[in-house]
Amino acid sequence: MRSLIDILELTTKELDELIAVAEDIIANPAKYAEVCKGKKLATLFFEPSTRTRLSFEAAMYELGGNVLGFSEANSSSAAKGESVADTAKTISCYADIIAMRHPKEGAPLVASMNASIPVINAGDGGHNHPTQTLADLLTIKREKGSLSGYTIGFCGDLKFGRTVHSLIAALSRYENIKVVLISPDELKLPDYIRKDILEKNNIEFIQTESLESVMPELDILYMTRVQRERFFNEADYIRLKDSYILTPKKLETAKGSLTIMHPLPRVNEISVAIDSDPRAAYFKQVLNGKYMRMALILKLLEVEVK
């Protein structure tokens, strides 16, 4: 039995295999329609979510399986003080696989150590979000044709953005990647990611506070929102929340082949005027997330599809 807590638990070969399965699902949906019949996914969401929770549920339904679970901590026994470990042991009696989101870093890891079924980390605090990274990788592959050889700019909240942390870790496996880190000083990428991933893997990177200065060199722009829920005080959030807003004017110097990504939800950091730009790929990311979660469920449940 195997869980997925951190994207680095998957080898490059496994990442490529998951992408290949997802692309086969896109091409041949009928082939996968009943392969998880009789299987149950438990979605344990202790933190609000729209895309991640519903895409996990849609993924399992489209594989022919069923879903049970909860969408907020107050509707579970956590409200009575039940530990994550006990919750995991209990859910193992009812389901075949768990997808868990939790505000505390490490909670899905604790669940995986106590469950007798696979656990998928669907986001733990500001730490990790491996299935969003899988969605991101499939989007890059389908938009760019490859996961190597481009310059990707990460813009906005790089300090608390778990999607950024996970994607940088995954991309460190591929060749000829250049990373551009665009953020206010207060929201810079954590030192441990810069040292343990970028520097350790000899990945070329620069840090800047100016999106406009680097726009012409970007192949991919990964926007993020400044997350109110990660701040300790409201004043800091209000001061930084509008640091970067992507508008059509700011895209005037961008490449025609630029791919614009965002893990969503969007607040105001991408103007809605950009939604109709052919370079906008953030809603494609949403759909790609469903396909990659389907592929991951099949892998962790060890379902053979012929």
C-alpha atoms as a PDB file:
ATOM      1  CA  MET A   1       0.000   0.000   0.000  1.00  0.00           C
ATOM      2  CA  ARG A   2       1.312   3.427  -0.969  1.00  0.00           C
ATOM      3  CA  SER A   3       0.238   7.006  -0.208  1.00  0.00           C
ATOM      4  CA  LEU A   4       1.183  10.354  -1.786  1.00  0.00           C
ATOM      5  CA  ILE A   5       2.121  13.083   0.682  1.00  0.00           C
ATOM      6  CA  ASP A   6       4.928  14.913  -1.142  1.00  0.00           C
ATOM      7  CA  ILE A   7       5.443  15.256  -4.903  1.00  0.00           C
ATOM      8  CA  LEU A   8       9.075  14.138  -4.492  1.00  0.00           C
ATOM      9  CA  GLU A   9       7.834  10.683  -3.481  1.00  0.00           C
ATOM     10  CA  LEU A  10       7.122  10.148  -7.173  1.00  0.00           C
ATOM     11  CA  THR A  11      10.086   9.462  -9.451  1.00  0.00           C
ATOM     12  CA  THR A  12      10.428  11.304 -12.758  1.00  0.00           C
ATOM     13  CA  LYS A  13       9.472   8.040 -14.476  1.00  0.00           C
ATOM     14  CA  GLU A  14       6.310   7.811 -12.365  1.00  0.00           C
ATOM     15  CA  LEU A  15       5.403  11.443 -13.090  1.00  0.00           C
ATOM     16  CA  ASP A  16       5.762  10.766 -16.815  1.00  0.00           C
ATOM     17  CA  GLU A  17       3.685   7.575 -16.498  1.00  0.00           C
ATOM     18  CA  LEU A  18       0.889   9.414 -14.667  1.00  0.00           C
ATOM     19  CA  ILE A  19       0.850  12.085 -17.384  1.00  0.00           C
ATOM     20  CA  ALA A  20       0.670   9.353 -20.041  1.00  0.00           C
ATOM     21  CA  VAL A  21      -2.287   7.685 -18.267  1.00  0.00           C
ATOM     22  CA  ALA A  22      -4.072  11.052 -17.912  1.00  0.00           C
ATOM     23  CA  GLU A  23      -3.624  11.731 -21.629  1.00  0.00           C
ATOM     24  CA  ASP A  24      -5.002   8.266 -22.398  1.00  0.00           C
ATOM     25  CA  ILE A  25      -8.025   9.010 -20.179  1.00  0.00           C
ATOM     26  CA  ILE A  26      -8.591  12.222 -22.156  1.00  0.00           C
ATOM     27  CA  ALA A  27      -8.364  10.319 -25.446  1.00  0.00           C
ATOM     28  CA  ASN A  28     -10.331   7.214 -24.357  1.00  0.00           C
ATOM     29  CA  PRO A  29     -12.734   8.070 -21.507  1.00  0.00           C
ATOM     30  CA  ALA A  30     -15.015   5.061 -22.108  1.00  0.00           C
ATOM     31  CA  LYS A  31     -12.107   2.688 -21.415  1.00  0.00           C
ATOM     32  CA  TYR A  32     -11.934   3.963 -17.822  1.00  0.00           C
ATOM     33  CA  ALA A  33     -15.639   4.421 -17.058  1.00  0.00           C
ATOM     34  CA  GLU A  34     -16.126   1.383 -14.782  1.00  0.00           C
ATOM     35  CA  VAL A  35     -12.609   0.446 -13.658  1.00  0.00           C
ATOM     36  CA  CYS A  36     -13.185   1.512 -10.013  1.00  0.00           C
ATOM     37  CA  LYS A  37     -16.661   0.027  -9.665  1.00  0.00           C
ATOM     38  CA  GLY A  38     -17.172  -0.984  -6.031  1.00  0.00           C
ATOM     39  CA  LYS A  39     -14.337   1.249  -4.767  1.00  0.00           C
ATOM     40  CA  LYS A  40     -14.920   4.171  -2.398  1.00  0.00           C
ATOM     41  CA  LEU A  41     -12.980   7.437  -2.055  1.00  0.00           C
ATOM     42  CA  ALA A  42     -13.246   9.329   1.253  1.00  0.00           C
ATOM     43  CA  THR A  43     -12.733  13.088   0.931  1.00  0.00           C
ATOM     44  CA  LEU A  44     -11.672  14.472   4.326  1.00  0.00           C
ATOM     45  CA  PHE A  45     -11.542  18.238   3.909  1.00  0.00           C
ATOM     46  CA  PHE A  46     -10.786  20.086   7.137  1.00  0.00           C
ATOM     47  CA  GLU A  47     -10.286  23.285   5.124  1.00  0.00           C
ATOM     48  CA  PRO A  48     -12.479  24.930   2.436  1.00  0.00           C
ATOM     49  CA  SER A  49     -12.030  23.822  -1.164  1.00  0.00           C
ATOM     50  CA  THR A  50     -13.948  23.954  -4.420  1.00  0.00           C
ATOM     51  CA  ARG A  51     -11.730  22.651  -7.221  1.00  0.00           C
ATOM     52  CA  THR A  52      -9.658  20.080  -5.323  1.00  0.00           C
ATOM     53  CA  ARG A  53     -12.524  18.407  -3.482  1.00  0.00           C
ATOM     54  CA  LEU A  54     -14.958  18.396  -6.397  1.00  0.00           C
ATOM     55  CA  SER A  55     -12.303  17.264  -8.871  1.00  0.00           C
ATOM     56  CA  PHE A  56     -11.417  14.310  -6.621  1.00  0.00           C
ATOM     57  CA  GLU A  57     -15.109  13.450  -6.418  1.00  0.00           C
ATOM     58  CA  ALA A  58     -15.620  13.873 -10.171  1.00  0.00           C
ATOM     59  CA  ALA A  59     -12.492  11.770 -10.796  1.00  0.00           C
ATOM     60  CA  MET A  60     -13.790   8.869  -8.701  1.00  0.00           C
ATOM     61  CA  TYR A  61     -17.290   9.031 -10.174  1.00  0.00           C
ATOM     62  CA  GLU A  62     -15.891   9.034 -13.726  1.00  0.00           C
ATOM     63  CA  LEU A  63     -13.884   5.918 -12.851  1.00  0.00           C
ATOM     64  CA  GLY A  64     -17.123   4.217 -11.762  1.00  0.00           C
ATOM     65  CA  GLY A  65     -16.463   4.459  -8.018  1.00  0.00           C
ATOM     66  CA  ASN A  66     -18.294   6.130  -5.138  1.00  0.00           C
ATOM     67  CA  VAL A  67     -17.479   8.981  -2.754  1.00  0.00           C
ATOM     68  CA  LEU A  68     -18.117   9.696   0.920  1.00  0.00           C
ATOM     69  CA  GLY A  69     -16.678  12.290   3.260  1.00  0.00           C
ATOM     70  CA  PHE A  70     -17.038  15.807   4.620  1.00  0.00           C
ATOM     71  CA  SER A  71     -16.163  19.304   3.450  1.00  0.00           C
ATOM     72  CA  GLU A  72     -15.476  21.112   6.723  1.00  0.00           C
ATOM     73  CA  ALA A  73     -13.965  20.179  10.070  1.00  0.00           C
ATOM     74  CA  ASN A  74     -17.081  21.224  11.990  1.00  0.00           C
ATOM     75  CA  SER A  75     -19.078  18.450  10.343  1.00  0.00           C
ATOM     76  CA  SER A  76     -16.626  15.751  11.495  1.00  0.00           C
ATOM     77  CA  SER A  77     -15.628  14.372  14.902  1.00  0.00           C
ATOM     78  CA  ALA A  78     -12.599  16.676  14.780  1.00  0.00           C
ATOM     79  CA  ALA A  79     -15.026  19.234  16.227  1.00  0.00           C
ATOM     80  CA  LYS A  80     -15.255  16.946  19.273  1.00  0.00           C
ATOM     81  CA  GLY A  81     -11.481  16.675  19.546  1.00  0.00           C
ATOM     82  CA  GLU A  82     -10.832  13.458  17.617  1.00  0.00           C
ATOM     83  CA  SER A  83      -7.224  13.138  16.462  1.00  0.00           C
ATOM     84  CA  VAL A  84      -6.184  12.871  12.807  1.00  0.00           C
ATOM     85  CA  ALA A  85      -4.736   9.433  13.585  1.00  0.00           C
ATOM     86  CA  ASP A  86      -8.050   8.134  14.958  1.00  0.00           C
ATOM     87  CA  THR A  87      -9.988   9.673  12.063  1.00  0.00           C
ATOM     88  CA  ALA A  88      -7.684   7.869   9.595  1.00  0.00           C
ATOM     89  CA  LYS A  89      -8.108   4.535  11.374  1.00  0.00           C
ATOM     90  CA  THR A  90     -11.888   4.986  11.384  1.00  0.00           C
ATOM     91  CA  ILE A  91     -12.197   5.965   7.717  1.00  0.00           C
ATOM     92  CA  SER A  92     -10.036   2.958   6.780  1.00  0.00           C
ATOM     93  CA  CYS A  93     -13.014   0.818   7.862  1.00  0.00           C
ATOM     94  CA  TYR A  94     -15.314   2.493   5.324  1.00  0.00           C
ATOM     95  CA  ALA A  95     -13.308   3.441   2.238  1.00  0.00           C
ATOM     96  CA  ASP A  96     -10.568   2.206  -0.105  1.00  0.00           C
ATOM     97  CA  ILE A  97      -8.606   5.472  -0.436  1.00  0.00           C
ATOM     98  CA  ILE A  98      -8.520   8.877   1.290  1.00  0.00           C
ATOM     99  CA  ALA A  99      -7.984  12.399  -0.051  1.00  0.00           C
ATOM    100  CA  MET A 100      -7.250  14.756   2.846  1.00  0.00           C
ATOM    101  CA  ARG A 101      -6.882  18.538   3.073  1.00  0.00           C
ATOM    102  CA  HIS A 102      -5.859  20.005   6.405  1.00  0.00           C
ATOM    103  CA  PRO A 103      -4.707  23.459   7.619  1.00  0.00           C
ATOM    104  CA  LYS A 104      -1.856  21.916   9.661  1.00  0.00           C
ATOM    105  CA  GLU A 105       1.362  20.939   7.899  1.00  0.00           C
ATOM    106  CA  GLY A 106       2.017  17.222   8.297  1.00  0.00           C
ATOM    107  CA  ALA A 107      -1.569  16.157   9.060  1.00  0.00           C
ATOM    108  CA  PRO A 108      -1.931  13.988   5.914  1.00  0.00           C
ATOM    109  CA  LEU A 109       1.423  12.351   6.759  1.00  0.00           C
ATOM    110  CA  VAL A 110       0.090  11.456  10.229  1.00  0.00           C
ATOM    111  CA  ALA A 111      -3.064  10.092   8.580  1.00  0.00           C
ATOM    112  CA  SER A 112      -1.013   7.939   6.188  1.00  0.00           C
ATOM    113  CA  MET A 113       0.967   6.489   9.095  1.00  0.00           C
ATOM    114  CA  ASN A 114      -2.258   5.383  10.802  1.00  0.00           C
ATOM    115  CA  ALA A 115      -4.551   4.452   7.911  1.00  0.00           C
ATOM    116  CA  SER A 116      -4.647   0.975   6.408  1.00  0.00           C
ATOM    117  CA  ILE A 117      -5.576   2.437   2.989  1.00  0.00           C
ATOM    118  CA  PRO A 118      -3.732   4.910   0.710  1.00  0.00           C
ATOM    119  CA  VAL A 119      -3.850   8.607   1.684  1.00  0.00           C
ATOM    120  CA  ILE A 120      -3.493  11.437  -0.824  1.00  0.00           C
ATOM    121  CA  ASN A 121      -2.389  14.826   0.478  1.00  0.00           C
ATOM    122  CA  ALA A 122      -4.885  17.311  -0.989  1.00  0.00           C
ATOM    123  CA  GLY A 123      -3.064  20.254   0.615  1.00  0.00           C
ATOM    124  CA  ASP A 124      -1.567  20.697   4.081  1.00  0.00           C
ATOM    125  CA  GLY A 125      -1.216  24.274   5.287  1.00  0.00           C
ATOM    126  CA  GLY A 126       1.494  26.204   3.458  1.00  0.00           C
ATOM    127  CA  HIS A 127       3.535  23.060   2.912  1.00  0.00           C
ATOM    128  CA  ASN A 128       2.564  20.833   0.025  1.00  0.00           C
ATOM    129  CA  HIS A 129      -0.091  20.253  -2.628  1.00  0.00           C
ATOM    130  CA  PRO A 130       1.115  17.354  -4.806  1.00  0.00           C
ATOM    131  CA  THR A 131      -2.058  16.800  -6.840  1.00  0.00           C
ATOM    132  CA  GLN A 132      -2.201  20.459  -7.875  1.00  0.00           C
ATOM    133  CA  THR A 133       1.367  19.949  -9.059  1.00  0.00           C
ATOM    134  CA  LEU A 134       0.257  16.955 -11.116  1.00  0.00           C
ATOM    135  CA  ALA A 135      -2.412  19.186 -12.713  1.00  0.00           C
ATOM    136  CA  ASP A 136       0.243  21.828 -13.372  1.00  0.00           C
ATOM    137  CA  LEU A 137       2.624  19.332 -14.978  1.00  0.00           C
ATOM    138  CA  LEU A 138      -0.064  17.968 -17.306  1.00  0.00           C
ATOM    139  CA  THR A 139      -1.007  21.539 -18.270  1.00  0.00           C
ATOM    140  CA  ILE A 140       2.618  22.426 -19.056  1.00  0.00           C
ATOM    141  CA  LYS A 141       3.059  19.207 -21.042  1.00  0.00           C
ATOM    142  CA  ARG A 142      -0.095  19.801 -23.094  1.00  0.00           C
ATOM    143  CA  GLU A 143       0.576  23.515 -23.641  1.00  0.00           C
ATOM    144  CA  LYS A 144       4.339  23.310 -24.256  1.00  0.00           C
ATOM    145  CA  GLY A 145       4.782  19.733 -25.488  1.00  0.00           C
ATOM    146  CA  SER A 146       7.558  19.052 -22.961  1.00  0.00           C
ATOM    147  CA  LEU A 147       8.525  19.476 -19.312  1.00  0.00           C
ATOM    148  CA  SER A 148      12.048  20.628 -20.136  1.00  0.00           C
ATOM    149  CA  GLY A 149      13.689  23.700 -21.608  1.00  0.00           C
ATOM    150  CA  TYR A 150      11.700  26.800 -20.656  1.00  0.00           C
ATOM    151  CA  THR A 151      11.697  29.805 -18.302  1.00  0.00           C
ATOM    152  CA  ILE A 152       8.895  29.847 -15.734  1.00  0.00           C
ATOM    153  CA  GLY A 153       8.026  32.883 -13.616  1.00  0.00           C
ATOM    154  CA  PHE A 154       6.303  32.432 -10.248  1.00  0.00           C
ATOM    155  CA  CYS A 155       4.537  35.618  -9.192  1.00  0.00           C
ATOM    156  CA  GLY A 156       2.826  36.718  -5.974  1.00  0.00           C
ATOM    157  CA  ASP A 157       2.850  34.830  -2.680  1.00  0.00           C
ATOM    158  CA  LEU A 158       5.896  32.574  -2.896  1.00  0.00           C
ATOM    159  CA  LYS A 159       6.282  32.300   0.889  1.00  0.00           C
ATOM    160  CA  PHE A 160       3.011  30.590   1.793  1.00  0.00           C
ATOM    161  CA  GLY A 161       2.085  29.265  -1.658  1.00  0.00           C
ATOM    162  CA  ARG A 162       2.166  25.467  -1.308  1.00  0.00           C
ATOM    163  CA  THR A 163       1.359  25.071  -5.004  1.00  0.00           C
ATOM    164  CA  VAL A 164       4.528  27.008  -5.862  1.00  0.00           C
ATOM    165  CA  HIS A 165       6.646  24.960  -3.452  1.00  0.00           C
ATOM    166  CA  SER A 166       5.421  21.652  -4.872  1.00  0.00           C
ATOM    167  CA  LEU A 167       5.778  22.679  -8.523  1.00  0.00           C
ATOM    168  CA  ILE A 168       9.325  23.974  -8.060  1.00  0.00           C
ATOM    169  CA  ALA A 169      10.232  20.656  -6.419  1.00  0.00           C
ATOM    170  CA  ALA A 170       8.748  18.677  -9.311  1.00  0.00           C
ATOM    171  CA  LEU A 171      10.354  20.818 -12.020  1.00  0.00           C
ATOM    172  CA  SER A 172      13.771  20.380 -10.360  1.00  0.00           C
ATOM    173  CA  ARG A 173      13.750  16.886 -11.925  1.00  0.00           C
ATOM    174  CA  TYR A 174      13.639  18.176 -15.507  1.00  0.00           C
ATOM    175  CA  GLU A 175      16.346  19.662 -17.706  1.00  0.00           C
ATOM    176  CA  ASN A 176      17.096  23.241 -18.736  1.00  0.00           C
ATOM    177  CA  ILE A 177      14.540  24.899 -16.476  1.00  0.00           C
ATOM    178  CA  LYS A 178      15.083  28.518 -15.474  1.00  0.00           C
ATOM    179  CA  VAL A 179      13.033  29.889 -12.564  1.00  0.00           C
ATOM    180  CA  VAL A 180      12.123  33.554 -12.079  1.00  0.00           C
ATOM    181  CA  LEU A 181      10.820  34.409  -8.588  1.00  0.00           C
ATOM    182  CA  ILE A 182       8.651  37.554  -8.565  1.00  0.00           C
ATOM    183  CA  SER A 183       7.380  38.771  -5.184  1.00  0.00           C
ATOM    184  CA  PRO A 184       7.540  41.529  -2.586  1.00  0.00           C
ATOM    185  CA  ASP A 185      10.358  40.991  -0.085  1.00  0.00           C
ATOM    186  CA  GLU A 186       7.905  39.874   2.620  1.00  0.00           C
ATOM    187  CA  LEU A 187       6.566  37.052   0.439  1.00  0.00           C
ATOM    188  CA  LYS A 188       9.815  35.667  -0.977  1.00  0.00           C
ATOM    189  CA  LEU A 189      10.351  31.944  -1.502  1.00  0.00           C
ATOM    190  CA  PRO A 190      11.402  30.282   1.779  1.00  0.00           C
ATOM    191  CA  ASP A 191      15.158  29.829   2.173  1.00  0.00           C
ATOM    192  CA  TYR A 192      14.866  26.051   2.593  1.00  0.00           C
ATOM    193  CA  ILE A 193      13.267  25.662  -0.857  1.00  0.00           C
ATOM    194  CA  ARG A 194      15.782  27.984  -2.469  1.00  0.00           C
ATOM    195  CA  LYS A 195      18.715  26.104  -0.889  1.00  0.00           C
ATOM    196  CA  ASP A 196      17.440  22.511  -0.807  1.00  0.00           C
ATOM    197  CA  ILE A 197      15.820  22.466  -4.237  1.00  0.00           C
ATOM    198  CA  LEU A 198      17.004  25.276  -6.529  1.00  0.00           C
ATOM    199  CA  GLU A 199      20.623  25.596  -5.406  1.00  0.00           C
ATOM    200  CA  LYS A 200      21.107  21.897  -4.632  1.00  0.00           C
ATOM    201  CA  ASN A 201      19.924  20.943  -8.136  1.00  0.00           C
ATOM    202  CA  ASN A 202      21.871  23.747  -9.841  1.00  0.00           C
ATOM    203  CA  ILE A 203      18.706  25.280 -11.263  1.00  0.00           C
ATOM    204  CA  GLU A 204      19.256  28.761 -12.651  1.00  0.00           C
ATOM    205  CA  PHE A 205      17.033  31.293 -10.860  1.00  0.00           C
ATOM    206  CA  ILE A 206      16.658  35.002 -10.240  1.00  0.00           C
ATOM    207  CA  GLN A 207      14.622  36.939  -7.672  1.00  0.00           C
ATOM    208  CA  THR A 208      12.939  40.237  -8.465  1.00  0.00           C
ATOM    209  CA  GLU A 209      10.129  42.477  -7.259  1.00  0.00           C
ATOM    210  CA  SER A 210       9.281  43.648 -10.806  1.00  0.00           C
ATOM    211  CA  LEU A 211       6.998  41.554 -13.025  1.00  0.00           C
ATOM    212  CA  GLU A 212       7.317  43.996 -15.924  1.00  0.00           C
ATOM    213  CA  SER A 213      11.129  43.733 -16.046  1.00  0.00           C
ATOM    214  CA  VAL A 214      11.106  39.951 -16.649  1.00  0.00           C
ATOM    215  CA  MET A 215       7.877  39.541 -18.650  1.00  0.00           C
ATOM    216  CA  PRO A 216       9.588  39.394 -22.111  1.00  0.00           C
ATOM    217  CA  GLU A 217      11.713  36.358 -21.172  1.00  0.00           C
ATOM    218  CA  LEU A 218       8.963  34.176 -19.688  1.00  0.00           C
ATOM    219  CA  ASP A 219       7.604  31.054 -21.408  1.00  0.00           C
ATOM    220  CA  ILE A 220       5.210  30.366 -18.514  1.00  0.00           C
ATOM    221  CA  LEU A 221       3.803  32.785 -15.925  1.00  0.00           C
ATOM    222  CA  TYR A 222       2.433  31.116 -12.790  1.00  0.00           C
ATOM    223  CA  MET A 223       0.319  33.655 -10.882  1.00  0.00           C
ATOM    224  CA  THR A 224      -0.770  33.165  -7.268  1.00  0.00           C
ATOM    225  CA  ARG A 225      -3.066  35.030  -4.927  1.00  0.00           C
ATOM    226  CA  VAL A 226      -1.908  36.644  -1.714  1.00  0.00           C
ATOM    227  CA  GLN A 227      -3.607  34.337   0.798  1.00  0.00           C
ATOM    228  CA  ARG A 228      -5.477  36.097   3.598  1.00  0.00           C
ATOM    229  CA  GLU A 229      -5.781  32.851   5.580  1.00  0.00           C
ATOM    230  CA  ARG A 230      -1.979  32.461   5.894  1.00  0.00           C
ATOM    231  CA  PHE A 231      -1.377  35.923   7.430  1.00  0.00           C
ATOM    232  CA  PHE A 232      -1.024  36.557  11.134  1.00  0.00           C
ATOM    233  CA  ASN A 233      -2.378  40.105  10.918  1.00  0.00           C
ATOM    234  CA  GLU A 234      -4.857  41.840   8.641  1.00  0.00           C
ATOM    235  CA  ALA A 235      -2.712  44.956   8.146  1.00  0.00           C
ATOM    236  CA  ASP A 236       0.077  42.997   6.401  1.00  0.00           C
ATOM    237  CA  TYR A 237      -2.453  41.264   4.168  1.00  0.00           C
ATOM    238  CA  ILE A 238      -4.122  44.534   3.117  1.00  0.00           C
ATOM    239  CA  ARG A 239      -0.734  46.134   2.426  1.00  0.00           C
ATOM    240  CA  LEU A 240       0.425  43.288   0.148  1.00  0.00           C
ATOM    241  CA  LYS A 241      -2.752  41.868  -1.384  1.00  0.00           C
ATOM    242  CA  ASP A 242      -2.649  43.987  -4.548  1.00  0.00           C
ATOM    243  CA  SER A 243       1.118  43.749  -5.091  1.00  0.00           C
ATOM    244  CA  TYR A 244       0.727  42.095  -8.499  1.00  0.00           C
ATOM    245  CA  ILE A 245      -2.311  42.364 -10.731  1.00  0.00           C
ATOM    246  CA  LEU A 246      -1.927  40.959 -14.251  1.00  0.00           C
ATOM    247  CA  THR A 247      -3.609  43.192 -16.852  1.00  0.00           C
ATOM    248  CA  PRO A 248      -3.611  43.218 -20.673  1.00  0.00           C
ATOM    249  CA  LYS A 249      -1.218  46.196 -20.543  1.00  0.00           C
ATOM    250  CA  LYS A 250       1.344  44.203 -18.550  1.00  0.00           C
ATOM    251  CA  LEU A 251       1.159  41.472 -21.200  1.00  0.00           C
ATOM    252  CA  GLU A 252       2.102  43.832 -24.037  1.00  0.00           C
ATOM    253  CA  THR A 253       5.774  42.821 -23.799  1.00  0.00           C
ATOM    254  CA  ALA A 254       5.059  39.094 -23.266  1.00  0.00           C
ATOM    255  CA  LYS A 255       5.749  36.366 -25.779  1.00  0.00           C
ATOM    256  CA  GLY A 256       2.898  35.349 -28.070  1.00  0.00           C
ATOM    257  CA  SER A 257       3.558  31.772 -26.927  1.00  0.00           C
ATOM    258  CA  LEU A 258       3.372  32.595 -23.196  1.00  0.00           C
ATOM    259  CA  THR A 259       1.284  30.220 -21.062  1.00  0.00           C
ATOM    260  CA  ILE A 260      -0.521  31.917 -18.132  1.00  0.00           C
ATOM    261  CA  MET A 261      -1.283  29.610 -15.201  1.00  0.00           C
ATOM    262  CA  HIS A 262      -2.916  30.024 -11.788  1.00  0.00           C
ATOM    263  CA  PRO A 263      -3.888  27.324  -9.250  1.00  0.00           C
ATOM    264  CA  LEU A 264      -7.080  29.292  -8.404  1.00  0.00           C
ATOM    265  CA  PRO A 265      -9.105  30.591  -6.665  1.00  0.00           C
ATOM    266  CA  ARG A 266      -8.454  33.964  -8.228  1.00  0.00           C
ATOM    267  CA  VAL A 267      -9.303  37.099  -6.284  1.00  0.00           C
ATOM    268  CA  ASN A 268      -8.150  40.039  -8.396  1.00  0.00           C
ATOM    269  CA  GLU A 269      -4.578  39.155  -9.356  1.00  0.00           C
ATOM    270  CA  ILE A 270      -5.545  38.316 -12.951  1.00  0.00           C
ATOM    271  CA  SER A 271      -7.884  40.719 -14.726  1.00  0.00           C
ATOM    272  CA  VAL A 272     -10.969  38.957 -16.145  1.00  0.00           C
ATOM    273  CA  ALA A 273     -10.084  40.683 -19.435  1.00  0.00           C
ATOM    274  CA  ILE A 274      -7.296  38.095 -19.802  1.00  0.00           C
ATOM    275  CA  ASP A 275      -9.692  35.127 -19.634  1.00  0.00           C
ATOM    276  CA  SER A 276     -10.338  35.368 -23.379  1.00  0.00           C
ATOM    277  CA  ASP A 277      -6.608  35.613 -24.216  1.00  0.00           C
ATOM    278  CA  PRO A 278      -5.507  32.358 -25.934  1.00  0.00           C
ATOM    279  CA  ARG A 279      -2.471  32.322 -23.634  1.00  0.00           C
ATOM    280  CA  ALA A 280      -4.679  31.903 -20.531  1.00  0.00           C
ATOM    281  CA  ALA A 281      -4.521  28.265 -19.372  1.00  0.00           C
ATOM    282  CA  TYR A 282      -5.832  28.437 -15.798  1.00  0.00           C
ATOM    283  CA  PHE A 283      -9.247  26.921 -16.508  1.00  0.00           C
ATOM    284  CA  LYS A 284      -7.552  24.188 -18.544  1.00  0.00           C
ATOM    285  CA  GLN A 285      -5.545  23.499 -15.371  1.00  0.00           C
ATOM    286  CA  VAL A 286      -8.801  22.835 -13.522  1.00  0.00           C
ATOM    287  CA  LEU A 287      -9.853  20.177 -16.041  1.00  0.00           C
ATOM    288  CA  ASN A 288      -6.358  18.686 -16.175  1.00  0.00           C
ATOM    289  CA  GLY A 289      -6.507  18.308 -12.393  1.00  0.00           C
ATOM    290  CA  LYS A 290      -9.422  15.912 -12.698  1.00  0.00           C
ATOM    291  CA  TYR A 291      -7.598  13.741 -15.225  1.00  0.00           C
ATOM    292  CA  MET A 292      -4.405  13.588 -13.162  1.00  0.00           C
ATOM    293  CA  ARG A 293      -6.349  12.715 -10.014  1.00  0.00           C
ATOM    294  CA  MET A 294      -8.022   9.907 -11.957  1.00  0.00           C
ATOM    295  CA  ALA A 295      -4.596   8.614 -12.982  1.00  0.00           C
ATOM    296  CA  LEU A 296      -3.296   8.864  -9.397  1.00  0.00           C
ATOM    297  CA  ILE A 297      -6.299   7.038  -7.915  1.00  0.00           C
ATOM    298  CA  LEU A 298      -5.716   4.193 -10.384  1.00  0.00           C
ATOM    299  CA  LYS A 299      -2.030   4.023  -9.464  1.00  0.00           C
ATOM    300  CA  LEU A 300      -2.527   4.011  -5.687  1.00  0.00           C
ATOM    301  CA  LEU A 301      -5.398   1.498  -5.865  1.00  0.00           C
ATOM    302  CA  GLU A 302      -3.238  -0.612  -8.208  1.00  0.00           C
ATOM    303  CA  VAL A 303      -6.082  -0.891 -10.716  1.00  0.00           C
ATOM    304  CA  GLU A 304      -5.046  -2.513 -13.994  1.00  0.00           C
ATOM    305  CA  VAL A 305      -6.710  -1.067 -17.071  1.00  0.00           C
ATOM    306  CA  LYS A 306      -6.522  -3.111 -20.275  1.00  0.00           C
END
